[in-house]
Amino acid sequence: MKNLGHLKSYKMNLTTVTPIYIGGGEDSCLNSLQYYFNPSTGTLKIVDESKFSKFLVKNNLLDDFMQFILNEKNPKLFKWLKINKLENVNIDIYSKSQVLKTAGIKNLNDIRLFMRNFDNQAYIPGSTIKGAIRTALLASIINHKKTYFTDKYWKDIENALYRGEKNTLSRICNQIENDVFSMKKFTSSQTDSIFRGLQVSDTNGLSDSNLYFAQKVDLSPKKQKISSIPLWREYLKPESKFTFVITIDETIFPYSIEQINIALKNYANYFNVMMDKCYDNLDIANIYLPNEADENIIPNLCIGGGTGFTTKTIIYQIAPDIKIAKNAIAKYLDKTFTTKKDKYSKIRQPQHNHVVEDTVISPRALKLAEYKEKSLPVGWCYISENK
């Protein structure tokens, strides 16, 4: 730790425990012309657009490629290469490759790449870490004064959920955060958040050797089995190691690094207990929070995309009990996500039948990604001070 008057700066370690995905925006979503996928071998290759452009120009293939795109209903790079008898030719147009576990899969949908910095290295933004800390600290404070927060806010939250009122729900959640984190409790400021006093840097960058492609999979408590989702992402591998810096301005932010660590631990434990009640066969998801992790690297932070609704919300913490929260959230999801009854009907119905099928928790699916023959819950890592 570095002590600079009212500023305390901590060098931190972050170790991924399960696969983590953080998207890099629209540019990181690849279509079927930006990658090569051979369904027979499971080989996936990501195109280097600069190299590919030079290859097309050098070999007078640019017009042919453009005509292929215009004439094909669903153009794929693999098909174009096959037509031109180039699929087995060793050409330098790719940035990376991997053989996927793709039994029975004929095609891939869009592929999502991991976020990268200016050096084209994978990194974790400080805002992502800070947001997860904020959620954990908020949940910890709510649990500490549960009766107060439940009595004050739950009925309004429940009504908004049952009516499917997203804007009302967002407004109430903002009120709760203002109740907890407004600086007016600690200074004369009436509007600013105490989180102005917590700065979290971006992590260092890592090479592509720390990344891999995997298909998104879900674990249903009803079926107690894994189901594949037609979405592939580039994940950080477990045991990837980063460093970053947390700086606390003690005149603004009233919580110490020790209190942050306790809040993170409590939030992870709460999530673990809640999931244990919902899934009879968590052995499917090896390394599930503290259950099977290294005792020195116990997950205490959940970050990134694809982690699931329950890791991003405080609704379960603020509700009187899990069952009441589950019923309200299921109703909200069924009102929010709907589909036509049939292609001729104007009547809409719930797309995923949460009210009927979410028997223990809502939403019912545990979000996973495969890694080395295991299906792991997405997003969990361990942060600690680098002393």
Protein backbone atom coordinates (compact mmCIF):
# COMPACT_ATOMS: atom_id res chain seq x y z
CA MET A 1 0.00 0.00 0.00
CA LYS A 2 1.10 3.55 -0.74
CA ASN A 3 -0.13 6.23 1.64
CA LEU A 4 -0.30 9.70 0.11
CA GLY A 5 -2.04 11.73 2.79
CA HIS A 6 -5.79 11.15 2.38
CA LEU A 7 -5.12 8.85 -0.61
CA LYS A 8 -4.34 5.17 -0.13
CA SER A 9 -3.24 3.19 -3.15
CA TYR A 10 -3.23 -0.62 -3.29
CA LYS A 11 -1.62 -2.81 -5.93
CA MET A 12 -4.02 -5.70 -6.52
CA ASN A 13 -3.84 -9.15 -8.09
CA LEU A 14 -6.69 -10.64 -10.10
CA THR A 15 -6.74 -14.36 -10.92
CA THR A 16 -9.50 -15.82 -13.07
CA VAL A 17 -11.06 -18.93 -11.54
CA THR A 18 -13.61 -19.65 -14.27
CA PRO A 19 -13.92 -18.46 -17.88
CA ILE A 20 -14.53 -14.71 -18.20
CA TYR A 21 -15.94 -12.81 -21.16
CA ILE A 22 -15.84 -9.03 -21.60
CA GLY A 23 -17.04 -7.82 -24.98
CA GLY A 24 -15.29 -5.15 -26.97
CA GLY A 25 -18.34 -3.53 -28.57
CA GLU A 26 -19.71 -3.88 -32.09
CA ASP A 27 -16.27 -4.27 -33.67
CA SER A 28 -15.67 -7.42 -31.64
CA CYS A 29 -18.67 -9.26 -33.12
CA LEU A 30 -17.47 -11.29 -36.11
CA ASN A 31 -19.71 -12.45 -38.92
CA SER A 32 -19.17 -15.52 -41.08
CA LEU A 33 -16.98 -13.60 -43.54
CA GLN A 34 -14.56 -12.63 -40.79
CA TYR A 35 -13.75 -16.16 -39.72
CA TYR A 36 -13.16 -19.54 -41.32
CA PHE A 37 -14.97 -22.50 -39.83
CA ASN A 38 -14.66 -26.05 -41.16
CA PRO A 39 -17.50 -28.15 -39.67
CA SER A 40 -15.77 -31.41 -40.60
CA THR A 41 -12.65 -30.72 -38.53
CA GLY A 42 -14.01 -28.14 -36.06
CA THR A 43 -11.21 -25.78 -37.11
CA LEU A 44 -11.92 -22.10 -36.43
CA LYS A 45 -9.59 -19.41 -37.81
CA ILE A 46 -10.00 -15.68 -37.23
CA VAL A 47 -9.25 -13.49 -40.25
CA ASP A 48 -6.67 -10.72 -40.06
CA GLU A 49 -8.49 -8.17 -42.21
CA SER A 50 -5.33 -6.35 -43.25
CA LYS A 51 -3.64 -9.57 -44.40
CA PHE A 52 -6.82 -10.75 -46.13
CA SER A 53 -7.21 -7.48 -48.06
CA LYS A 54 -3.62 -7.66 -49.27
CA PHE A 55 -4.13 -11.31 -50.28
CA LEU A 56 -7.23 -10.46 -52.35
CA VAL A 57 -5.54 -7.57 -54.14
CA LYS A 58 -2.30 -9.46 -54.78
CA ASN A 59 -4.14 -12.45 -56.28
CA ASN A 60 -6.75 -10.42 -58.22
CA LEU A 61 -9.56 -11.96 -56.17
CA LEU A 62 -11.16 -8.83 -54.77
CA ASP A 63 -13.89 -8.57 -57.44
CA ASP A 64 -14.62 -12.28 -57.16
CA PHE A 65 -14.98 -12.01 -53.39
CA MET A 66 -17.30 -8.99 -53.69
CA GLN A 67 -19.49 -10.77 -56.24
CA PHE A 68 -19.69 -13.78 -53.92
CA ILE A 69 -20.92 -11.56 -51.08
CA LEU A 70 -23.55 -9.93 -53.31
CA ASN A 71 -24.85 -13.16 -54.82
CA GLU A 72 -24.93 -15.40 -51.76
CA LYS A 73 -27.91 -15.30 -49.42
CA ASN A 74 -25.76 -16.26 -46.43
CA PRO A 75 -22.13 -15.80 -47.51
CA LYS A 76 -19.45 -17.65 -45.57
CA LEU A 77 -15.71 -17.37 -45.97
CA PHE A 78 -15.38 -21.16 -45.77
CA LYS A 79 -17.65 -21.59 -48.81
CA TRP A 80 -15.79 -18.95 -50.86
CA LEU A 81 -12.43 -20.56 -50.10
CA LYS A 82 -13.85 -23.95 -51.04
CA ILE A 83 -15.23 -22.66 -54.34
CA ASN A 84 -11.82 -21.20 -55.17
CA LYS A 85 -10.05 -24.35 -53.95
CA LEU A 86 -8.21 -22.41 -51.26
CA GLU A 87 -9.54 -24.07 -48.11
CA ASN A 88 -6.58 -26.44 -47.86
CA VAL A 89 -3.98 -23.99 -49.10
CA ASN A 90 -1.62 -22.55 -46.50
CA ILE A 91 -2.29 -18.83 -46.90
CA ASP A 92 -1.30 -16.18 -44.39
CA ILE A 93 -4.61 -14.40 -43.75
CA TYR A 94 -5.39 -15.45 -40.16
CA SER A 95 -4.56 -14.01 -36.74
CA LYS A 96 -5.36 -17.10 -34.64
CA SER A 97 -6.89 -20.56 -34.83
CA GLN A 98 -8.41 -23.21 -32.57
CA VAL A 99 -10.01 -26.61 -33.00
CA LEU A 100 -13.45 -26.47 -31.41
CA LYS A 101 -15.49 -29.17 -29.76
CA THR A 102 -18.34 -28.99 -32.27
CA ALA A 103 -20.02 -32.39 -32.46
CA GLY A 104 -23.13 -32.09 -34.60
CA ILE A 105 -22.64 -28.37 -35.33
CA LYS A 106 -22.76 -27.51 -39.03
CA ASN A 107 -22.45 -23.74 -38.72
CA LEU A 108 -21.47 -21.10 -36.20
CA ASN A 109 -23.37 -17.89 -35.58
CA ASP A 110 -21.63 -14.62 -34.91
CA ILE A 111 -18.53 -14.91 -32.74
CA ARG A 112 -17.82 -12.42 -29.95
CA LEU A 113 -14.20 -11.44 -29.30
CA PHE A 114 -12.74 -10.38 -25.95
CA MET A 115 -12.01 -6.70 -25.25
CA ARG A 116 -8.51 -5.50 -26.16
CA ASN A 117 -6.36 -2.48 -25.39
CA PHE A 118 -4.32 -0.32 -27.77
CA ASP A 119 -1.62 -3.00 -27.89
CA ASN A 120 -4.26 -5.55 -28.99
CA GLN A 121 -3.95 -7.41 -25.67
CA ALA A 122 -6.83 -8.73 -23.59
CA TYR A 123 -7.47 -6.67 -20.45
CA ILE A 124 -10.17 -6.01 -17.87
CA PRO A 125 -11.41 -2.41 -17.63
CA GLY A 126 -11.27 -0.78 -14.22
CA SER A 127 -14.91 0.26 -14.64
CA THR A 128 -15.90 -3.42 -14.84
CA ILE A 129 -14.12 -4.25 -11.58
CA LYS A 130 -15.47 -1.12 -9.88
CA GLY A 131 -19.03 -1.94 -10.91
CA ALA A 132 -18.76 -5.44 -9.43
CA ILE A 133 -17.33 -4.00 -6.18
CA ARG A 134 -20.21 -1.52 -6.07
CA THR A 135 -22.82 -4.29 -6.43
CA ALA A 136 -21.17 -6.44 -3.75
CA LEU A 137 -20.84 -3.54 -1.31
CA LEU A 138 -24.45 -2.51 -1.89
CA ALA A 139 -25.66 -6.08 -1.31
CA SER A 140 -23.59 -6.34 1.87
CA ILE A 141 -25.03 -3.12 3.28
CA ILE A 142 -28.59 -4.19 2.41
CA ASN A 143 -28.09 -7.56 4.13
CA HIS A 144 -26.73 -5.79 7.21
CA LYS A 145 -29.89 -3.62 7.42
CA LYS A 146 -32.28 -5.95 5.63
CA THR A 147 -35.43 -5.05 7.58
CA TYR A 148 -34.97 -1.34 6.86
CA PHE A 149 -34.46 -1.79 3.12
CA THR A 150 -37.15 -4.46 2.73
CA ASP A 151 -39.76 -2.40 4.54
CA LYS A 152 -38.88 0.77 2.65
CA TYR A 153 -38.45 -0.51 -0.90
CA TRP A 154 -39.67 -4.06 -1.51
CA LYS A 155 -43.38 -3.39 -2.11
CA ASP A 156 -42.59 -0.79 -4.78
CA ILE A 157 -40.02 -3.12 -6.40
CA GLU A 158 -42.47 -6.04 -6.36
CA ASN A 159 -45.24 -3.95 -7.95
CA ALA A 160 -42.86 -2.73 -10.69
CA LEU A 161 -41.74 -6.29 -11.39
CA TYR A 162 -45.30 -7.64 -11.60
CA ARG A 163 -46.27 -4.85 -14.00
CA GLY A 164 -43.12 -5.26 -16.06
CA GLU A 165 -42.18 -1.60 -15.56
CA LYS A 166 -38.48 -1.45 -16.38
CA ASN A 167 -38.15 2.32 -16.00
CA THR A 168 -39.88 2.31 -12.62
CA LEU A 169 -37.64 -0.52 -11.46
CA SER A 170 -34.54 1.38 -12.59
CA ARG A 171 -35.70 4.51 -10.77
CA ILE A 172 -36.25 2.61 -7.51
CA CYS A 173 -32.84 0.96 -7.75
CA ASN A 174 -31.27 4.38 -8.28
CA GLN A 175 -33.09 5.58 -5.15
CA ILE A 176 -31.63 2.68 -3.18
CA GLU A 177 -28.10 3.43 -4.40
CA ASN A 178 -28.56 7.10 -3.52
CA ASP A 179 -29.82 6.06 -0.09
CA VAL A 180 -26.67 3.99 0.48
CA PHE A 181 -23.95 5.80 -1.43
CA SER A 182 -24.93 9.49 -1.45
CA MET A 183 -22.15 11.70 -0.08
CA LYS A 184 -24.69 13.67 1.96
CA LYS A 185 -24.24 11.06 4.70
CA PHE A 186 -20.55 11.86 4.96
CA THR A 187 -20.06 15.39 3.51
CA SER A 188 -22.08 18.50 2.73
CA SER A 189 -22.63 17.34 -0.89
CA GLN A 190 -26.22 16.36 -1.60
CA THR A 191 -25.90 14.60 -4.94
CA ASP A 192 -22.47 13.10 -5.59
CA SER A 193 -21.75 9.45 -4.93
CA ILE A 194 -19.06 8.32 -2.51
CA PHE A 195 -17.73 6.21 -5.38
CA ARG A 196 -16.04 9.35 -6.66
CA GLY A 197 -13.54 8.46 -3.97
CA LEU A 198 -12.81 4.97 -5.31
CA GLN A 199 -10.62 4.74 -8.38
CA VAL A 200 -9.89 1.41 -10.07
CA SER A 201 -7.34 1.21 -12.87
CA ASP A 202 -7.52 -1.02 -15.92
CA THR A 203 -5.55 -4.23 -15.60
CA ASN A 204 -2.41 -4.96 -17.56
CA GLY A 205 -2.85 -6.70 -20.90
CA LEU A 206 -2.31 -10.39 -21.64
CA SER A 207 -1.44 -12.21 -24.87
CA ASP A 208 -3.81 -14.41 -26.89
CA SER A 209 -2.36 -17.51 -25.22
CA ASN A 210 -4.64 -16.67 -22.27
CA LEU A 211 -7.76 -16.78 -24.46
CA TYR A 212 -9.85 -19.50 -26.07
CA PHE A 213 -13.19 -19.89 -27.86
CA ALA A 214 -16.09 -21.71 -26.22
CA GLN A 215 -19.79 -22.15 -26.75
CA LYS A 216 -22.24 -20.67 -24.30
CA VAL A 217 -24.09 -23.38 -22.34
CA ASP A 218 -26.81 -23.33 -19.68
CA LEU A 219 -27.62 -25.63 -16.79
CA SER A 220 -31.34 -25.97 -16.08
CA PRO A 221 -32.43 -26.91 -12.54
CA LYS A 222 -35.56 -28.54 -13.95
CA LYS A 223 -33.80 -30.80 -16.47
CA GLN A 224 -30.54 -31.01 -14.47
CA LYS A 225 -28.56 -31.15 -17.69
CA ILE A 226 -26.43 -28.94 -19.91
CA SER A 227 -27.96 -27.36 -23.01
CA SER A 228 -25.92 -25.62 -25.71
CA ILE A 229 -26.68 -22.09 -26.90
CA PRO A 230 -25.76 -21.09 -30.49
CA LEU A 231 -23.31 -18.41 -29.40
CA TRP A 232 -19.51 -18.60 -29.29
CA ARG A 233 -17.34 -16.23 -27.29
CA GLU A 234 -13.66 -15.64 -26.72
CA TYR A 235 -13.05 -16.23 -23.01
CA LEU A 236 -10.17 -15.66 -20.65
CA LYS A 237 -8.88 -19.00 -19.46
CA PRO A 238 -9.02 -19.92 -15.77
CA GLU A 239 -5.76 -19.09 -13.94
CA SER A 240 -5.07 -16.01 -16.05
CA LYS A 241 -3.31 -13.45 -13.87
CA PHE A 242 -3.60 -9.65 -13.91
CA THR A 243 -2.57 -6.71 -11.76
CA PHE A 244 -4.39 -3.40 -11.24
CA VAL A 245 -4.53 -0.54 -8.72
CA ILE A 246 -7.26 0.56 -6.31
CA THR A 247 -6.97 4.10 -4.90
CA ILE A 248 -9.19 5.23 -2.04
CA ASP A 249 -9.74 8.89 -1.16
CA GLU A 250 -10.55 8.63 2.54
CA THR A 251 -12.18 12.09 2.58
CA ILE A 252 -14.87 10.81 0.18
CA PHE A 253 -15.02 7.02 0.32
CA PRO A 254 -15.77 5.74 3.86
CA TYR A 255 -14.93 2.06 3.38
CA SER A 256 -11.49 0.48 3.74
CA ILE A 257 -9.93 -2.14 1.51
CA GLU A 258 -10.61 -4.66 4.29
CA GLN A 259 -14.32 -3.79 4.28
CA ILE A 260 -14.41 -4.15 0.51
CA ASN A 261 -12.84 -7.62 0.79
CA ILE A 262 -15.43 -8.67 3.39
CA ALA A 263 -18.29 -7.41 1.19
CA LEU A 264 -16.92 -9.34 -1.81
CA LYS A 265 -16.60 -12.53 0.23
CA ASN A 266 -20.12 -12.18 1.65
CA TYR A 267 -21.64 -11.55 -1.80
CA ALA A 268 -19.95 -14.61 -3.30
CA ASN A 269 -21.01 -16.77 -0.35
CA TYR A 270 -24.61 -15.56 -0.62
CA PHE A 271 -24.69 -16.41 -4.32
CA ASN A 272 -23.18 -19.83 -3.61
CA VAL A 273 -25.75 -20.68 -0.93
CA MET A 274 -28.61 -19.52 -3.16
CA MET A 275 -27.41 -21.66 -6.07
CA ASP A 276 -26.87 -24.70 -3.85
CA LYS A 277 -30.58 -24.61 -3.03
CA CYS A 278 -31.50 -24.64 -6.71
CA TYR A 279 -29.31 -27.30 -8.27
CA ASP A 280 -29.23 -30.92 -7.15
CA ASN A 281 -26.27 -31.78 -9.33
CA LEU A 282 -23.70 -28.99 -9.18
CA ASP A 283 -20.98 -31.54 -9.94
CA ILE A 284 -21.85 -30.77 -13.56
CA ALA A 285 -20.24 -27.37 -12.97
CA ASN A 286 -16.85 -28.27 -11.57
CA ILE A 287 -15.08 -25.46 -9.65
CA TYR A 288 -18.28 -23.85 -8.49
CA LEU A 289 -17.41 -20.90 -6.25
CA PRO A 290 -15.75 -22.09 -3.02
CA ASN A 291 -16.98 -25.66 -3.45
CA GLU A 292 -14.02 -27.02 -5.38
CA ALA A 293 -11.67 -24.07 -5.74
CA ASP A 294 -8.12 -23.82 -4.44
CA GLU A 295 -8.38 -22.72 -0.79
CA ASN A 296 -5.90 -19.91 -1.54
CA ILE A 297 -7.85 -18.68 -4.58
CA ILE A 298 -11.51 -18.59 -3.54
CA PRO A 299 -13.68 -16.60 -5.99
CA ASN A 300 -14.86 -13.29 -4.57
CA LEU A 301 -15.77 -11.24 -7.64
CA CYS A 302 -18.05 -11.92 -10.61
CA ILE A 303 -17.44 -9.79 -13.70
CA GLY A 304 -18.13 -9.59 -17.40
CA GLY A 305 -20.88 -10.67 -19.75
CA GLY A 306 -22.93 -13.84 -19.76
CA THR A 307 -22.80 -14.27 -15.97
CA GLY A 308 -26.56 -14.23 -15.53
CA PHE A 309 -29.22 -11.97 -14.02
CA THR A 310 -28.62 -13.05 -10.43
CA THR A 311 -25.01 -11.80 -10.38
CA LYS A 312 -25.99 -8.28 -11.44
CA THR A 313 -28.93 -7.53 -9.18
CA ILE A 314 -29.73 -6.78 -5.52
CA ILE A 315 -33.37 -7.85 -5.83
CA TYR A 316 -32.83 -11.18 -4.10
CA GLN A 317 -31.02 -9.47 -1.21
CA ILE A 318 -33.74 -6.87 -0.68
CA ALA A 319 -36.73 -9.24 -0.96
CA PRO A 320 -38.25 -10.83 2.17
CA ASP A 321 -37.16 -14.27 0.92
CA ILE A 322 -35.95 -16.04 -2.19
CA LYS A 323 -39.36 -17.48 -3.12
CA ILE A 324 -41.09 -14.10 -3.11
CA ALA A 325 -38.28 -12.60 -5.20
CA LYS A 326 -38.39 -15.53 -7.60
CA ASN A 327 -42.14 -15.13 -8.22
CA ALA A 328 -41.85 -11.41 -8.90
CA ILE A 329 -38.80 -11.73 -11.18
CA ALA A 330 -40.42 -14.58 -13.14
CA LYS A 331 -43.49 -12.41 -13.73
CA TYR A 332 -41.28 -9.52 -14.87
CA LEU A 333 -39.32 -11.70 -17.30
CA ASP A 334 -42.49 -13.13 -18.82
CA LYS A 335 -43.83 -9.62 -19.40
CA THR A 336 -40.53 -8.36 -20.79
CA PHE A 337 -39.58 -11.22 -23.11
CA THR A 338 -42.49 -12.28 -25.30
CA THR A 339 -43.08 -13.87 -28.68
CA LYS A 340 -46.04 -14.13 -31.08
CA LYS A 341 -48.39 -17.03 -30.42
CA ASP A 342 -48.01 -17.90 -34.10
CA LYS A 343 -46.87 -16.04 -37.20
CA TYR A 344 -50.41 -14.86 -37.99
CA SER A 345 -51.42 -13.81 -34.49
CA LYS A 346 -51.08 -10.41 -32.83
CA ILE A 347 -51.30 -12.08 -29.45
CA ARG A 348 -47.99 -12.29 -27.62
CA GLN A 349 -47.06 -14.90 -25.04
CA PRO A 350 -44.09 -15.44 -22.69
CA GLN A 351 -41.03 -16.54 -24.63
CA HIS A 352 -39.45 -18.67 -21.90
CA ASN A 353 -42.35 -19.44 -19.50
CA HIS A 354 -40.56 -18.28 -16.37
CA VAL A 355 -43.67 -18.24 -14.16
CA VAL A 356 -44.39 -21.88 -14.95
CA GLU A 357 -40.88 -23.32 -15.17
CA ASP A 358 -38.80 -21.25 -12.71
CA THR A 359 -39.65 -23.38 -9.70
CA VAL A 360 -36.83 -22.39 -7.32
CA ILE A 361 -35.02 -19.39 -8.78
CA SER A 362 -35.61 -17.00 -11.67
CA PRO A 363 -34.20 -16.93 -14.23
CA ARG A 364 -33.67 -20.66 -13.88
CA ALA A 365 -30.55 -21.24 -16.02
CA LEU A 366 -27.02 -21.21 -14.61
CA LYS A 367 -24.69 -19.66 -17.20
CA LEU A 368 -21.68 -21.81 -18.08
CA ALA A 369 -18.81 -22.17 -20.52
CA GLU A 370 -16.87 -25.33 -21.30
CA TYR A 371 -13.16 -25.55 -20.52
CA LYS A 372 -11.06 -28.72 -20.61
CA GLU A 373 -14.08 -31.04 -20.57
CA LYS A 374 -15.67 -29.15 -17.68
CA SER A 375 -18.67 -26.80 -17.69
CA LEU A 376 -17.80 -23.84 -15.49
CA PRO A 377 -19.91 -20.92 -14.24
CA VAL A 378 -18.90 -17.80 -16.11
CA GLY A 379 -17.25 -14.70 -14.67
CA TRP A 380 -15.68 -15.66 -11.34
CA CYS A 381 -12.27 -14.43 -10.27
CA TYR A 382 -10.28 -13.77 -7.11
CA ILE A 383 -8.83 -10.36 -6.25
CA SER A 384 -6.39 -9.72 -3.42
CA GLU A 385 -3.89 -7.14 -2.34
CA ASN A 386 -0.38 -7.61 -3.74
CA LYS A 387 1.59 -7.22 -0.51
